[in-house]
């Protein structure tokens, strides 16, 4: 699941208009985040975007494959689909698709967990 530096740089450049974008390398792949929402995966120099039931048809009608993290278990897939080459080459179109991926992540409740205050301590500010 390698990601070349050149491919990662290219994707980040194409998505610059998305704003609040960051990539984080993990397990040989790279995760893409907008704000703190995990919306994309780059693996083997292929970009996969999160989708939901409503958006999946746009990927499947173009013959795009789901991300399969375990080669030895091809039946296991995730809600991330390969992005068509035509979309990758058009930065505006890629940003549009990525915004839908961010919306899918948000609707799926993929917000990061916030740490709660330590037990026995109040979350309210102290009076002075």
Protein backbone atom coordinates (compact mmCIF):
# COMPACT_ATOMS: atom_id res chain seq x y z
CA UNK A 1 0.00 0.00 0.00
CA UNK A 2 2.72 2.48 -0.88
CA UNK A 3 2.10 6.11 -1.74
CA UNK A 4 4.74 7.96 -3.73
CA UNK A 5 5.67 11.47 -2.64
CA UNK A 6 4.99 12.79 -6.16
CA UNK A 7 1.45 11.36 -6.28
CA UNK A 8 0.61 12.66 -2.82
CA UNK A 9 1.91 16.12 -3.74
CA UNK A 10 -0.14 16.08 -6.97
CA UNK A 11 -3.35 15.18 -5.13
CA UNK A 12 -2.77 17.85 -2.48
CA UNK A 13 -2.19 20.45 -5.22
CA UNK A 14 -5.38 19.38 -7.03
CA UNK A 15 -7.33 19.71 -3.77
CA UNK A 16 -5.82 23.01 -2.60
CA UNK A 17 -9.14 24.85 -3.09
CA UNK A 18 -10.84 22.48 -0.64
CA UNK A 19 -9.15 24.30 2.24
CA UNK A 20 -8.17 22.98 5.70
CA UNK A 21 -6.67 19.94 3.98
CA UNK A 22 -4.06 17.62 5.41
CA UNK A 23 -2.67 14.19 4.66
CA UNK A 24 -1.52 11.71 7.25
CA UNK A 25 0.52 8.66 6.37
CA UNK A 26 -0.68 5.43 7.91
CA UNK A 27 0.06 1.77 7.28
CA UNK A 28 1.75 2.51 3.96
CA UNK A 29 -1.24 4.53 2.74
CA UNK A 30 -2.26 8.14 3.37
CA UNK A 31 -5.48 9.43 4.85
CA UNK A 32 -6.96 12.73 3.66
CA UNK A 33 -8.67 15.06 6.11
CA UNK A 34 -10.67 18.25 5.62
CA UNK A 35 -11.00 20.06 8.90
CA UNK A 36 -10.89 16.91 11.02
CA UNK A 37 -13.10 14.76 8.79
CA UNK A 38 -11.49 11.70 7.22
CA UNK A 39 -12.77 11.73 3.63
CA UNK A 40 -10.20 10.03 1.43
CA UNK A 41 -7.53 7.36 1.20
CA UNK A 42 -4.53 7.16 -1.09
CA UNK A 43 -3.18 3.66 -1.54
CA UNK A 44 -0.91 2.31 -4.28
CA UNK A 45 -1.03 5.78 -5.89
CA UNK A 46 -4.79 5.56 -6.25
CA UNK A 47 -7.20 8.04 -4.68
CA UNK A 48 -10.36 6.71 -3.05
CA UNK A 49 -13.09 9.04 -1.77
CA UNK A 50 -15.71 8.35 0.86
CA UNK A 51 -19.22 7.93 -0.45
CA UNK A 52 -22.64 7.12 0.85
CA UNK A 53 -25.57 5.19 -0.60
CA UNK A 54 -26.74 8.18 -2.66
CA UNK A 55 -23.35 8.88 -4.23
CA UNK A 56 -22.14 5.32 -4.78
CA UNK A 57 -23.90 5.01 -8.17
CA UNK A 58 -21.75 7.77 -9.65
CA UNK A 59 -18.67 5.68 -8.92
CA UNK A 60 -20.06 2.30 -9.90
CA UNK A 61 -21.59 3.57 -13.19
CA UNK A 62 -18.06 4.60 -14.19
CA UNK A 63 -16.70 1.18 -13.28
CA UNK A 64 -14.78 2.40 -10.23
CA UNK A 65 -13.82 -0.16 -7.60
CA UNK A 66 -14.15 0.11 -3.81
CA UNK A 67 -11.11 0.32 -1.60
CA UNK A 68 -10.24 -3.17 -0.40
CA UNK A 69 -7.75 -2.96 2.48
CA UNK A 70 -7.10 -6.71 2.67
CA UNK A 71 -5.95 -8.33 -0.59
CA UNK A 72 -6.39 -11.80 0.91
CA UNK A 73 -10.04 -10.96 1.74
CA UNK A 74 -11.51 -9.29 -1.37
CA UNK A 75 -15.05 -9.52 0.02
CA UNK A 76 -14.16 -6.84 2.59
CA UNK A 77 -14.57 -3.33 1.25
CA UNK A 78 -15.22 0.08 2.66
CA UNK A 79 -17.32 3.11 1.70
CA UNK A 80 -14.40 4.54 -0.30
CA UNK A 81 -14.30 4.29 -4.09
CA UNK A 82 -11.60 4.88 -6.67
CA UNK A 83 -11.78 8.27 -8.39
CA UNK A 84 -11.98 8.29 -12.22
CA UNK A 85 -8.90 9.58 -14.06
CA UNK A 86 -10.92 12.34 -15.76
CA UNK A 87 -11.95 13.67 -12.35
CA UNK A 88 -8.37 13.51 -11.01
CA UNK A 89 -7.12 15.63 -13.89
CA UNK A 90 -9.69 18.41 -13.36
CA UNK A 91 -8.96 20.17 -10.07
CA UNK A 92 -12.38 21.87 -9.93
CA UNK A 93 -14.20 18.58 -10.52
CA UNK A 94 -12.01 16.78 -7.97
CA UNK A 95 -12.75 19.43 -5.34
CA UNK A 96 -16.48 19.04 -6.07
CA UNK A 97 -16.29 15.25 -5.64
CA UNK A 98 -14.21 15.73 -2.49
CA UNK A 99 -16.79 18.08 -0.98
CA UNK A 100 -19.38 15.34 -1.43
CA UNK A 101 -16.95 12.91 0.26
CA UNK A 102 -16.57 15.31 3.20
CA UNK A 103 -20.38 15.57 3.43
CA UNK A 104 -20.64 11.75 3.40
CA UNK A 105 -18.10 11.54 6.22
CA UNK A 106 -19.98 14.17 8.19
CA UNK A 107 -23.33 12.44 7.75
CA UNK A 108 -21.76 9.14 8.80
CA UNK A 109 -20.75 10.74 12.09
CA UNK A 110 -17.00 10.45 11.52
CA UNK A 111 -16.16 13.34 13.80
CA UNK A 112 -13.13 12.86 16.00
CA UNK A 113 -13.88 12.12 19.62
CA UNK A 114 -13.16 14.95 21.94
CA UNK A 115 -11.55 14.16 25.24
CA UNK A 116 -13.89 14.60 28.14
CA UNK A 117 -12.72 16.27 31.33
CA UNK A 118 -10.99 14.02 33.81
CA UNK A 119 -13.26 12.39 36.31
CA UNK A 120 -13.75 14.49 39.41
CA UNK A 121 -12.93 17.74 37.65
CA UNK A 122 -15.50 20.22 36.53
CA UNK A 123 -15.65 21.32 32.90
CA UNK A 124 -16.77 24.76 34.09
CA UNK A 125 -14.20 27.53 34.43
CA UNK A 126 -13.06 28.39 37.95
CA UNK A 127 -14.29 31.53 39.64
CA UNK A 128 -11.69 34.04 40.65
